[in-house]
N, C-alpha and C. Protein backbone atom coordinates (compact mmCIF):
# COMPACT_ATOMS: atom_id res chain seq x y z
N UNK A 1 0.84 -1.17 0.00
CA UNK A 1 0.00 0.00 0.00
C UNK A 1 0.89 1.24 0.00
N UNK A 2 0.39 2.28 -0.59
CA UNK A 2 1.10 3.54 -0.65
C UNK A 2 1.14 4.20 0.72
N UNK A 3 2.28 4.79 1.07
CA UNK A 3 2.41 5.51 2.33
C UNK A 3 2.07 6.98 2.11
N UNK A 4 1.27 7.53 3.04
CA UNK A 4 1.02 8.97 3.08
C UNK A 4 1.13 9.41 4.54
N UNK A 5 1.80 10.51 4.76
CA UNK A 5 1.95 11.05 6.11
C UNK A 5 0.57 11.44 6.64
N UNK A 6 0.32 11.15 7.91
CA UNK A 6 -0.96 11.53 8.53
C UNK A 6 -1.19 13.03 8.39
N UNK A 7 -2.42 13.37 8.04
CA UNK A 7 -2.91 14.74 7.87
C UNK A 7 -2.33 15.44 6.64
N UNK A 8 -1.74 14.66 5.72
CA UNK A 8 -1.31 15.25 4.45
C UNK A 8 -2.51 15.30 3.51
N UNK A 9 -2.37 16.04 2.42
CA UNK A 9 -3.46 16.19 1.45
C UNK A 9 -3.77 14.84 0.79
N UNK A 10 -5.04 14.52 0.66
CA UNK A 10 -5.47 13.26 0.04
C UNK A 10 -5.22 13.30 -1.46
N UNK A 11 -4.51 12.28 -1.98
CA UNK A 11 -4.25 12.18 -3.41
C UNK A 11 -4.31 10.74 -3.91
N UNK A 12 -4.77 9.80 -3.10
CA UNK A 12 -4.70 8.38 -3.45
C UNK A 12 -5.51 8.04 -4.70
N UNK A 13 -6.70 8.60 -4.82
CA UNK A 13 -7.55 8.29 -5.97
C UNK A 13 -8.20 9.56 -6.49
N UNK A 14 -9.07 9.38 -7.47
CA UNK A 14 -9.79 10.52 -8.06
C UNK A 14 -10.94 11.00 -7.17
N UNK A 15 -11.19 10.34 -6.08
CA UNK A 15 -12.32 10.69 -5.22
C UNK A 15 -12.32 12.17 -4.87
N UNK A 16 -13.48 12.79 -4.98
CA UNK A 16 -13.61 14.22 -4.70
C UNK A 16 -13.99 14.51 -3.26
N UNK A 17 -14.17 13.48 -2.45
CA UNK A 17 -14.68 13.68 -1.09
C UNK A 17 -13.59 13.95 -0.06
N UNK A 18 -12.58 13.09 0.08
CA UNK A 18 -11.61 13.30 1.18
C UNK A 18 -10.73 14.51 1.00
N UNK A 19 -10.32 15.08 2.14
CA UNK A 19 -9.39 16.20 2.17
C UNK A 19 -8.00 15.76 2.64
N UNK A 20 -7.97 14.86 3.65
CA UNK A 20 -6.69 14.50 4.29
C UNK A 20 -6.55 12.99 4.49
N UNK A 21 -5.30 12.56 4.54
CA UNK A 21 -4.96 11.15 4.77
C UNK A 21 -4.75 10.86 6.25
N UNK A 22 -5.14 9.67 6.66
CA UNK A 22 -4.83 9.14 7.99
C UNK A 22 -4.66 7.63 7.86
N UNK A 23 -3.63 7.08 8.47
CA UNK A 23 -3.48 5.64 8.55
C UNK A 23 -2.94 4.93 7.33
N UNK A 24 -2.34 5.65 6.41
CA UNK A 24 -1.73 5.03 5.23
C UNK A 24 -0.29 4.69 5.62
N UNK A 25 -0.12 3.58 6.33
CA UNK A 25 1.14 3.24 6.97
C UNK A 25 2.06 2.41 6.07
N UNK A 26 3.33 2.39 6.46
CA UNK A 26 4.34 1.58 5.81
C UNK A 26 5.22 0.96 6.88
N UNK A 27 5.66 -0.25 6.65
CA UNK A 27 6.54 -0.88 7.63
C UNK A 27 7.90 -0.20 7.68
N UNK A 28 8.19 0.64 6.71
CA UNK A 28 9.47 1.33 6.67
C UNK A 28 9.42 2.70 7.36
N UNK A 29 8.27 3.07 7.89
CA UNK A 29 8.11 4.37 8.55
C UNK A 29 7.57 4.17 9.95
N UNK A 30 8.08 4.94 10.90
CA UNK A 30 7.56 4.89 12.26
C UNK A 30 6.17 5.50 12.30
N UNK A 31 5.35 5.02 13.23
CA UNK A 31 4.03 5.61 13.41
C UNK A 31 3.75 5.78 14.90
N UNK A 32 2.82 6.68 15.21
CA UNK A 32 2.45 6.95 16.61
C UNK A 32 1.72 5.74 17.17
N UNK A 33 1.99 5.42 18.42
CA UNK A 33 1.32 4.30 19.07
C UNK A 33 0.61 4.77 20.32
N UNK A 34 -0.30 3.96 20.81
CA UNK A 34 -1.01 4.28 22.04
C UNK A 34 -2.42 3.74 22.02
N UNK A 35 -3.05 3.81 23.16
CA UNK A 35 -4.40 3.28 23.33
C UNK A 35 -5.45 4.24 22.76
N UNK A 36 -6.57 3.66 22.33
CA UNK A 36 -7.73 4.42 21.90
C UNK A 36 -8.93 3.92 22.70
N UNK A 37 -9.97 4.70 22.75
CA UNK A 37 -11.13 4.32 23.56
C UNK A 37 -11.96 3.23 22.88
N UNK A 38 -12.71 2.50 23.68
CA UNK A 38 -13.61 1.48 23.12
C UNK A 38 -14.73 2.15 22.31
N UNK A 39 -15.14 3.35 22.72
CA UNK A 39 -16.15 4.09 21.97
C UNK A 39 -15.66 4.36 20.55
N UNK A 40 -14.42 4.81 20.43
CA UNK A 40 -13.83 5.07 19.11
C UNK A 40 -13.80 3.79 18.29
N UNK A 41 -13.35 2.68 18.87
CA UNK A 41 -13.24 1.42 18.12
C UNK A 41 -14.61 0.92 17.66
N UNK A 42 -15.63 1.15 18.47
CA UNK A 42 -16.98 0.71 18.07
C UNK A 42 -17.49 1.49 16.87
N UNK A 43 -17.29 2.82 16.89
CA UNK A 43 -17.74 3.62 15.76
C UNK A 43 -16.88 3.33 14.53
N UNK A 44 -15.58 3.14 14.73
CA UNK A 44 -14.70 2.79 13.63
C UNK A 44 -15.14 1.46 12.99
N UNK A 45 -15.53 0.51 13.82
CA UNK A 45 -16.01 -0.78 13.32
C UNK A 45 -17.23 -0.59 12.42
N UNK A 46 -18.14 0.30 12.81
CA UNK A 46 -19.32 0.53 11.98
C UNK A 46 -18.93 1.17 10.65
N UNK A 47 -17.87 1.97 10.65
CA UNK A 47 -17.36 2.56 9.41
C UNK A 47 -16.81 1.47 8.48
N UNK A 48 -16.07 0.53 9.05
CA UNK A 48 -15.46 -0.54 8.25
C UNK A 48 -16.53 -1.36 7.55
N UNK A 49 -17.68 -1.49 8.17
CA UNK A 49 -18.79 -2.26 7.56
C UNK A 49 -19.34 -1.60 6.31
N UNK A 50 -19.11 -0.30 6.16
CA UNK A 50 -19.64 0.45 5.02
C UNK A 50 -18.48 1.07 4.24
N UNK A 51 -17.78 0.29 3.42
CA UNK A 51 -16.58 0.79 2.74
C UNK A 51 -16.88 1.87 1.71
N UNK A 52 -15.90 2.75 1.55
CA UNK A 52 -15.93 3.77 0.51
C UNK A 52 -14.76 3.52 -0.42
N UNK A 53 -14.83 4.08 -1.62
CA UNK A 53 -13.77 3.97 -2.61
C UNK A 53 -13.29 2.52 -2.73
N UNK A 54 -14.25 1.63 -2.88
CA UNK A 54 -13.98 0.19 -2.96
C UNK A 54 -13.17 -0.13 -4.21
N UNK A 55 -12.08 -0.86 -4.02
CA UNK A 55 -11.21 -1.27 -5.13
C UNK A 55 -11.41 -2.76 -5.41
N UNK A 56 -10.95 -3.21 -6.55
CA UNK A 56 -11.09 -4.62 -6.91
C UNK A 56 -10.05 -5.49 -6.23
N UNK A 57 -8.84 -5.02 -6.11
CA UNK A 57 -7.77 -5.81 -5.49
C UNK A 57 -7.76 -5.63 -3.99
N UNK A 58 -6.64 -5.97 -3.39
CA UNK A 58 -6.53 -5.80 -1.95
C UNK A 58 -5.08 -5.68 -1.52
N UNK A 59 -4.88 -4.98 -0.42
CA UNK A 59 -3.54 -4.81 0.15
C UNK A 59 -3.42 -5.67 1.40
N UNK A 60 -2.32 -6.37 1.54
CA UNK A 60 -2.11 -7.16 2.75
C UNK A 60 -1.53 -6.30 3.86
N UNK A 61 -1.41 -6.87 5.04
CA UNK A 61 -0.72 -6.19 6.14
C UNK A 61 0.74 -6.59 6.10
N UNK A 62 1.59 -5.63 5.84
CA UNK A 62 3.02 -5.92 5.77
C UNK A 62 3.67 -5.97 7.16
N UNK A 63 2.97 -5.50 8.17
CA UNK A 63 3.50 -5.62 9.54
C UNK A 63 3.38 -7.06 10.03
N UNK A 64 2.31 -7.74 9.63
CA UNK A 64 2.09 -9.12 10.07
C UNK A 64 3.08 -10.08 9.42
N UNK A 65 3.64 -9.70 8.29
CA UNK A 65 4.48 -10.63 7.55
C UNK A 65 5.75 -9.96 7.06
N UNK A 66 6.46 -9.30 7.95
CA UNK A 66 7.67 -8.58 7.55
C UNK A 66 8.68 -9.49 6.86
N UNK A 67 8.67 -10.79 7.15
CA UNK A 67 9.63 -11.71 6.56
C UNK A 67 9.07 -12.49 5.38
N UNK A 68 7.77 -12.32 5.11
CA UNK A 68 7.16 -13.04 3.98
C UNK A 68 6.88 -12.07 2.85
N UNK A 69 7.27 -12.41 1.65
CA UNK A 69 7.00 -11.56 0.50
C UNK A 69 5.51 -11.53 0.23
N UNK A 70 5.02 -10.37 -0.10
CA UNK A 70 3.61 -10.24 -0.48
C UNK A 70 2.67 -9.93 0.66
N UNK A 71 3.06 -10.16 1.89
CA UNK A 71 2.21 -9.84 3.03
C UNK A 71 1.14 -10.87 3.30
N UNK A 72 0.29 -10.55 4.25
CA UNK A 72 -0.77 -11.45 4.69
C UNK A 72 -2.11 -10.75 4.52
N UNK A 73 -3.08 -11.43 3.88
CA UNK A 73 -4.43 -10.88 3.75
C UNK A 73 -5.03 -10.73 5.15
N UNK A 74 -5.83 -9.71 5.34
CA UNK A 74 -6.35 -9.39 6.66
C UNK A 74 -7.87 -9.43 6.66
N UNK A 75 -8.42 -10.05 7.70
CA UNK A 75 -9.86 -10.00 7.94
C UNK A 75 -10.07 -9.54 9.38
N UNK A 76 -11.26 -9.04 9.63
CA UNK A 76 -11.62 -8.62 10.99
C UNK A 76 -13.05 -9.06 11.25
N UNK A 77 -13.27 -9.57 12.43
CA UNK A 77 -14.63 -9.97 12.83
C UNK A 77 -15.27 -8.78 13.53
N UNK A 78 -16.31 -8.24 12.88
CA UNK A 78 -16.98 -7.04 13.37
C UNK A 78 -18.46 -7.32 13.45
N UNK A 79 -19.02 -7.17 14.64
CA UNK A 79 -20.44 -7.43 14.87
C UNK A 79 -20.83 -8.81 14.32
N UNK A 80 -20.03 -9.80 14.61
CA UNK A 80 -20.27 -11.21 14.26
C UNK A 80 -20.19 -11.51 12.76
N UNK A 81 -19.61 -10.60 11.99
CA UNK A 81 -19.44 -10.82 10.55
C UNK A 81 -17.96 -10.65 10.22
N UNK A 82 -17.45 -11.50 9.35
CA UNK A 82 -16.05 -11.42 8.93
C UNK A 82 -15.94 -10.48 7.73
N UNK A 83 -15.07 -9.46 7.85
CA UNK A 83 -14.85 -8.50 6.77
C UNK A 83 -13.42 -8.59 6.30
N UNK A 84 -13.23 -8.57 5.00
CA UNK A 84 -11.88 -8.55 4.45
C UNK A 84 -11.45 -7.09 4.36
N UNK A 85 -10.27 -6.81 4.85
CA UNK A 85 -9.73 -5.45 4.86
C UNK A 85 -8.65 -5.31 3.79
N UNK A 86 -8.40 -4.07 3.41
CA UNK A 86 -7.31 -3.80 2.48
C UNK A 86 -7.74 -3.46 1.07
N UNK A 87 -9.05 -3.28 0.84
CA UNK A 87 -9.49 -2.96 -0.52
C UNK A 87 -10.43 -1.76 -0.57
N UNK A 88 -10.51 -1.03 0.53
CA UNK A 88 -11.44 0.11 0.56
C UNK A 88 -10.96 1.15 1.58
N UNK A 89 -11.70 2.23 1.64
CA UNK A 89 -11.41 3.31 2.58
C UNK A 89 -12.59 3.50 3.52
N UNK A 90 -12.34 4.24 4.57
CA UNK A 90 -13.40 4.77 5.41
C UNK A 90 -13.20 6.29 5.46
N UNK A 91 -14.26 7.00 5.75
CA UNK A 91 -14.18 8.46 5.87
C UNK A 91 -14.62 8.89 7.26
N UNK A 92 -13.96 9.89 7.77
CA UNK A 92 -14.36 10.52 9.03
C UNK A 92 -14.52 12.00 8.75
N UNK A 93 -15.66 12.54 9.14
CA UNK A 93 -15.96 13.95 8.86
C UNK A 93 -15.94 14.73 10.16
N UNK A 94 -15.08 15.74 10.21
CA UNK A 94 -14.95 16.53 11.43
C UNK A 94 -16.14 17.47 11.59
N UNK A 95 -16.24 18.05 12.77
CA UNK A 95 -17.34 18.99 13.03
C UNK A 95 -17.35 20.15 12.06
N UNK A 96 -16.15 20.57 11.60
CA UNK A 96 -16.12 21.71 10.69
C UNK A 96 -16.11 21.29 9.22
N UNK A 97 -16.32 19.99 8.95
CA UNK A 97 -16.51 19.54 7.58
C UNK A 97 -15.31 18.96 6.87
N UNK A 98 -14.14 18.91 7.51
CA UNK A 98 -12.98 18.27 6.88
C UNK A 98 -13.23 16.77 6.81
N UNK A 99 -12.81 16.17 5.69
CA UNK A 99 -13.02 14.73 5.52
C UNK A 99 -11.66 14.03 5.51
N UNK A 100 -11.50 13.12 6.47
CA UNK A 100 -10.29 12.31 6.56
C UNK A 100 -10.56 10.98 5.86
N UNK A 101 -9.59 10.50 5.12
CA UNK A 101 -9.70 9.19 4.48
C UNK A 101 -8.63 8.27 5.06
N UNK A 102 -9.05 7.07 5.38
CA UNK A 102 -8.12 6.05 5.88
C UNK A 102 -8.40 4.74 5.16
N UNK A 103 -7.37 3.94 4.92
CA UNK A 103 -7.65 2.61 4.40
C UNK A 103 -8.41 1.83 5.46
N UNK A 104 -9.29 0.92 5.04
CA UNK A 104 -10.02 0.18 6.08
C UNK A 104 -9.09 -0.72 6.89
N UNK A 105 -7.87 -0.90 6.43
CA UNK A 105 -6.86 -1.61 7.22
C UNK A 105 -6.54 -0.89 8.53
N UNK A 106 -6.95 0.37 8.66
CA UNK A 106 -6.68 1.12 9.88
C UNK A 106 -7.24 0.39 11.10
N UNK A 107 -8.36 -0.28 10.93
CA UNK A 107 -8.94 -1.03 12.05
C UNK A 107 -7.95 -2.08 12.56
N UNK A 108 -7.35 -2.80 11.65
CA UNK A 108 -6.35 -3.82 11.99
C UNK A 108 -5.09 -3.17 12.56
N UNK A 109 -4.64 -2.07 11.96
CA UNK A 109 -3.44 -1.40 12.44
C UNK A 109 -3.58 -0.97 13.90
N UNK A 110 -4.75 -0.49 14.25
CA UNK A 110 -5.00 -0.05 15.63
C UNK A 110 -5.14 -1.26 16.54
N UNK A 111 -5.97 -2.21 16.12
CA UNK A 111 -6.28 -3.37 16.95
C UNK A 111 -5.07 -4.29 17.18
N UNK A 112 -4.30 -4.54 16.14
CA UNK A 112 -3.21 -5.53 16.24
C UNK A 112 -1.81 -4.93 16.37
N UNK A 113 -1.63 -3.71 15.89
CA UNK A 113 -0.27 -3.16 15.86
C UNK A 113 -0.11 -1.90 16.71
N UNK A 114 -1.15 -1.50 17.42
CA UNK A 114 -1.04 -0.39 18.36
C UNK A 114 -0.94 0.99 17.76
N UNK A 115 -1.32 1.13 16.49
CA UNK A 115 -1.29 2.45 15.86
C UNK A 115 -2.28 3.38 16.56
N UNK A 116 -1.87 4.62 16.77
CA UNK A 116 -2.73 5.65 17.35
C UNK A 116 -2.91 6.75 16.32
N UNK A 117 -4.12 6.86 15.71
CA UNK A 117 -4.35 7.93 14.72
C UNK A 117 -4.31 9.31 15.38
N UNK A 118 -4.14 10.34 14.57
CA UNK A 118 -4.15 11.71 15.11
C UNK A 118 -5.47 12.01 15.84
N UNK A 119 -5.38 12.85 16.84
CA UNK A 119 -6.55 13.21 17.64
C UNK A 119 -7.70 13.77 16.83
N UNK A 120 -7.38 14.51 15.77
CA UNK A 120 -8.44 15.10 14.92
C UNK A 120 -9.28 14.00 14.28
N UNK A 121 -8.62 12.94 13.84
CA UNK A 121 -9.32 11.82 13.22
C UNK A 121 -10.16 11.07 14.26
N UNK A 122 -9.58 10.81 15.41
CA UNK A 122 -10.30 10.11 16.48
C UNK A 122 -11.57 10.88 16.83
N UNK A 123 -11.43 12.20 17.00
CA UNK A 123 -12.59 13.02 17.35
C UNK A 123 -13.62 13.03 16.23
N UNK A 124 -13.16 13.07 14.98
CA UNK A 124 -14.09 13.07 13.84
C UNK A 124 -14.88 11.76 13.78
N UNK A 125 -14.23 10.64 14.05
CA UNK A 125 -14.94 9.36 14.06
C UNK A 125 -16.02 9.38 15.14
N UNK A 126 -15.66 9.83 16.34
CA UNK A 126 -16.62 9.86 17.46
C UNK A 126 -17.74 10.85 17.15
N UNK A 127 -17.39 12.04 16.67
CA UNK A 127 -18.42 13.04 16.34
C UNK A 127 -19.38 12.53 15.28
N UNK A 128 -18.85 11.85 14.26
CA UNK A 128 -19.70 11.30 13.21
C UNK A 128 -20.67 10.28 13.76
N UNK A 129 -20.21 9.45 14.68
CA UNK A 129 -21.07 8.45 15.29
C UNK A 129 -22.16 9.05 16.16
N UNK A 130 -21.89 10.25 16.67
CA UNK A 130 -22.87 10.94 17.52
C UNK A 130 -23.69 11.97 16.75
N UNK A 131 -23.48 12.07 15.44
CA UNK A 131 -24.24 13.02 14.63
C UNK A 131 -23.85 14.47 14.86
N UNK A 132 -22.60 14.70 15.24
CA UNK A 132 -22.15 16.07 15.52
C UNK A 132 -21.34 16.65 14.37
N UNK A 133 -21.80 16.42 13.16
CA UNK A 133 -21.12 16.94 11.98
C UNK A 133 -21.84 18.21 11.56
N UNK A 134 -21.06 19.21 11.17
CA UNK A 134 -21.62 20.50 10.79
C UNK A 134 -22.60 20.36 9.63
N UNK A 135 -23.65 21.14 9.67
CA UNK A 135 -24.71 21.10 8.65
C UNK A 135 -24.14 21.33 7.25
N UNK A 136 -23.13 22.19 7.12
CA UNK A 136 -22.56 22.47 5.80
C UNK A 136 -21.94 21.21 5.18
N UNK A 137 -21.36 20.33 6.01
CA UNK A 137 -20.80 19.09 5.48
C UNK A 137 -21.91 18.17 4.98
N UNK A 138 -23.02 18.14 5.68
CA UNK A 138 -24.16 17.32 5.26
C UNK A 138 -24.74 17.85 3.95
N UNK A 139 -24.84 19.17 3.83
CA UNK A 139 -25.33 19.78 2.59
C UNK A 139 -24.40 19.44 1.44
N UNK A 140 -23.09 19.53 1.68
CA UNK A 140 -22.10 19.20 0.64
C UNK A 140 -22.26 17.75 0.18
N UNK A 141 -22.44 16.84 1.11
CA UNK A 141 -22.60 15.43 0.75
C UNK A 141 -23.89 15.19 -0.04
N UNK A 142 -24.97 15.84 0.38
CA UNK A 142 -26.23 15.70 -0.35
C UNK A 142 -26.09 16.21 -1.79
N UNK A 143 -25.38 17.33 -1.95
CA UNK A 143 -25.14 17.86 -3.30
C UNK A 143 -24.32 16.89 -4.13
N UNK A 144 -23.35 16.23 -3.50
CA UNK A 144 -22.53 15.26 -4.24
C UNK A 144 -23.36 14.04 -4.65
N UNK A 145 -24.28 13.61 -3.80
CA UNK A 145 -25.15 12.48 -4.16
C UNK A 145 -25.92 12.83 -5.43
N UNK A 146 -26.36 14.07 -5.54
CA UNK A 146 -27.18 14.47 -6.68
C UNK A 146 -26.37 14.87 -7.91
N UNK A 147 -25.17 15.46 -7.72
CA UNK A 147 -24.50 16.11 -8.84
C UNK A 147 -23.07 15.67 -9.14
N UNK A 148 -22.44 14.84 -8.34
CA UNK A 148 -21.04 14.48 -8.58
C UNK A 148 -20.90 13.81 -9.94
N UNK A 149 -19.88 14.17 -10.72
CA UNK A 149 -19.72 13.57 -12.04
C UNK A 149 -19.42 12.06 -11.99
N UNK A 150 -18.68 11.63 -10.98
CA UNK A 150 -18.33 10.21 -10.87
C UNK A 150 -19.35 9.47 -10.02
N UNK A 151 -19.86 8.34 -10.50
CA UNK A 151 -20.83 7.55 -9.75
C UNK A 151 -20.23 7.08 -8.42
N UNK A 152 -18.93 6.77 -8.40
CA UNK A 152 -18.28 6.33 -7.17
C UNK A 152 -18.37 7.40 -6.09
N UNK A 153 -18.23 8.67 -6.48
CA UNK A 153 -18.34 9.76 -5.50
C UNK A 153 -19.77 9.89 -4.99
N UNK A 154 -20.75 9.67 -5.85
CA UNK A 154 -22.15 9.71 -5.42
C UNK A 154 -22.42 8.62 -4.38
N UNK A 155 -21.91 7.43 -4.66
CA UNK A 155 -22.09 6.31 -3.73
C UNK A 155 -21.40 6.61 -2.40
N UNK A 156 -20.15 7.04 -2.46
CA UNK A 156 -19.40 7.32 -1.23
C UNK A 156 -20.05 8.44 -0.42
N UNK A 157 -20.56 9.46 -1.10
CA UNK A 157 -21.25 10.55 -0.39
C UNK A 157 -22.51 10.03 0.29
N UNK A 158 -23.23 9.14 -0.38
CA UNK A 158 -24.44 8.56 0.23
C UNK A 158 -24.09 7.75 1.47
N UNK A 159 -23.03 6.95 1.38
CA UNK A 159 -22.62 6.15 2.54
C UNK A 159 -22.12 7.03 3.67
N UNK A 160 -21.41 8.10 3.33
CA UNK A 160 -20.99 9.06 4.36
C UNK A 160 -22.21 9.66 5.06
N UNK A 161 -23.24 10.01 4.29
CA UNK A 161 -24.47 10.56 4.88
C UNK A 161 -25.13 9.57 5.83
N UNK A 162 -25.18 8.31 5.42
CA UNK A 162 -25.78 7.28 6.27
C UNK A 162 -25.02 7.19 7.59
N UNK A 163 -23.71 7.34 7.54
CA UNK A 163 -22.88 7.25 8.75
C UNK A 163 -23.09 8.44 9.68
N UNK A 164 -23.09 9.65 9.14
CA UNK A 164 -23.07 10.84 10.00
C UNK A 164 -24.42 11.49 10.22
N UNK A 165 -25.40 11.17 9.39
CA UNK A 165 -26.71 11.80 9.52
C UNK A 165 -27.83 10.85 9.11
N UNK A 166 -27.93 9.69 9.77
CA UNK A 166 -28.94 8.72 9.35
C UNK A 166 -30.37 9.26 9.45
N UNK A 167 -30.67 10.04 10.48
CA UNK A 167 -32.04 10.53 10.67
C UNK A 167 -32.51 11.37 9.50
N UNK A 168 -31.62 12.18 8.94
CA UNK A 168 -32.05 13.07 7.85
C UNK A 168 -31.80 12.50 6.46
N UNK A 169 -31.13 11.37 6.36
CA UNK A 169 -30.78 10.88 5.02
C UNK A 169 -31.38 9.53 4.65
N UNK A 170 -31.75 8.72 5.61
CA UNK A 170 -32.20 7.36 5.31
C UNK A 170 -33.44 7.36 4.43
N UNK A 171 -34.46 8.12 4.80
CA UNK A 171 -35.69 8.15 3.99
C UNK A 171 -35.43 8.69 2.59
N UNK A 172 -34.64 9.76 2.52
CA UNK A 172 -34.32 10.38 1.24
C UNK A 172 -33.57 9.38 0.34
N UNK A 173 -32.56 8.71 0.87
CA UNK A 173 -31.79 7.75 0.08
C UNK A 173 -32.63 6.51 -0.27
N UNK A 174 -33.50 6.10 0.64
CA UNK A 174 -34.38 4.96 0.36
C UNK A 174 -35.29 5.26 -0.82
N UNK A 175 -35.77 6.50 -0.91
CA UNK A 175 -36.60 6.89 -2.04
C UNK A 175 -35.80 6.90 -3.34
N UNK A 176 -34.56 7.40 -3.28
CA UNK A 176 -33.72 7.48 -4.48
C UNK A 176 -33.45 6.09 -5.05
N UNK A 177 -33.11 5.12 -4.18
CA UNK A 177 -32.76 3.79 -4.70
C UNK A 177 -33.96 3.05 -5.29
N UNK A 178 -35.18 3.50 -4.98
CA UNK A 178 -36.37 2.87 -5.55
C UNK A 178 -36.82 3.50 -6.86
N UNK A 179 -36.20 4.61 -7.25
CA UNK A 179 -36.56 5.24 -8.52
C UNK A 179 -36.11 4.37 -9.69
N UNK A 180 -36.93 4.23 -10.71
CA UNK A 180 -36.53 3.42 -11.88
C UNK A 180 -35.26 3.95 -12.54
N UNK A 181 -35.02 5.25 -12.46
CA UNK A 181 -33.86 5.85 -13.10
C UNK A 181 -32.57 5.71 -12.27
N UNK A 182 -32.65 5.14 -11.08
CA UNK A 182 -31.48 5.02 -10.21
C UNK A 182 -30.46 4.06 -10.84
N UNK A 183 -29.22 4.47 -10.87
CA UNK A 183 -28.14 3.66 -11.42
C UNK A 183 -28.00 2.37 -10.59
N UNK A 184 -27.81 1.25 -11.25
CA UNK A 184 -27.79 -0.05 -10.55
C UNK A 184 -26.66 -0.16 -9.54
N UNK A 185 -25.50 0.40 -9.85
CA UNK A 185 -24.37 0.36 -8.90
C UNK A 185 -24.71 1.16 -7.63
N UNK A 186 -25.28 2.35 -7.83
CA UNK A 186 -25.69 3.18 -6.69
C UNK A 186 -26.72 2.43 -5.86
N UNK A 187 -27.72 1.88 -6.52
CA UNK A 187 -28.79 1.16 -5.83
C UNK A 187 -28.22 0.02 -4.98
N UNK A 188 -27.38 -0.80 -5.58
CA UNK A 188 -26.83 -1.97 -4.88
C UNK A 188 -26.00 -1.57 -3.67
N UNK A 189 -25.08 -0.64 -3.84
CA UNK A 189 -24.19 -0.25 -2.73
C UNK A 189 -24.94 0.46 -1.61
N UNK A 190 -25.85 1.35 -1.97
CA UNK A 190 -26.57 2.11 -0.95
C UNK A 190 -27.57 1.21 -0.20
N UNK A 191 -28.22 0.30 -0.91
CA UNK A 191 -29.13 -0.62 -0.22
C UNK A 191 -28.39 -1.46 0.82
N UNK A 192 -27.20 -1.92 0.47
CA UNK A 192 -26.41 -2.70 1.44
C UNK A 192 -26.10 -1.85 2.67
N UNK A 193 -25.68 -0.61 2.45
CA UNK A 193 -25.36 0.28 3.57
C UNK A 193 -26.60 0.56 4.43
N UNK A 194 -27.74 0.77 3.79
CA UNK A 194 -28.98 1.03 4.55
C UNK A 194 -29.37 -0.18 5.39
N UNK A 195 -29.13 -1.38 4.90
CA UNK A 195 -29.48 -2.58 5.64
C UNK A 195 -28.62 -2.77 6.89
N UNK A 196 -27.46 -2.15 6.92
CA UNK A 196 -26.55 -2.30 8.06
C UNK A 196 -26.92 -1.40 9.24
N UNK A 197 -27.88 -0.49 9.04
CA UNK A 197 -28.28 0.39 10.15
C UNK A 197 -29.06 -0.37 11.21
């Protein structure tokens, strides 16, 4: 996986949503360590269940297999379901609307390798789980669902809305996925995310 310094500008993909990187680690670079709260891990787990920027391939954990070429594929048991990590991102939206992007491997990095993400990211994950995201960020996401040029950005914006503002977005998104004109990829991904609530 590509290494990006925590809180650097997001450039991993064409996605128009994220602003900053968090958790794009490398075994060749030191990272901050330390404990995180169980509240944070619970909300992070719910994020992992709803991947964004889903890729076809997957990245292994190179920390688990420093002596083996190619690394080790990673799974995590979350809410009694096994999830494969390393092929998608999660987003955390701060109170002021900044969007952090992390590989979904971040769950494993924290749980198994003691990685401690920056405080801004930790707080954004917790705030998102509590619905404390600024209204302007929610408006921006709704606009992206309707107008983003890339279908992937529309899907990711919808999933971000489900995470940070379920009360105001679930009915609206449920209506969109039932429209005959709804794109099949959008319908499939958003329906799965809605079922996880």
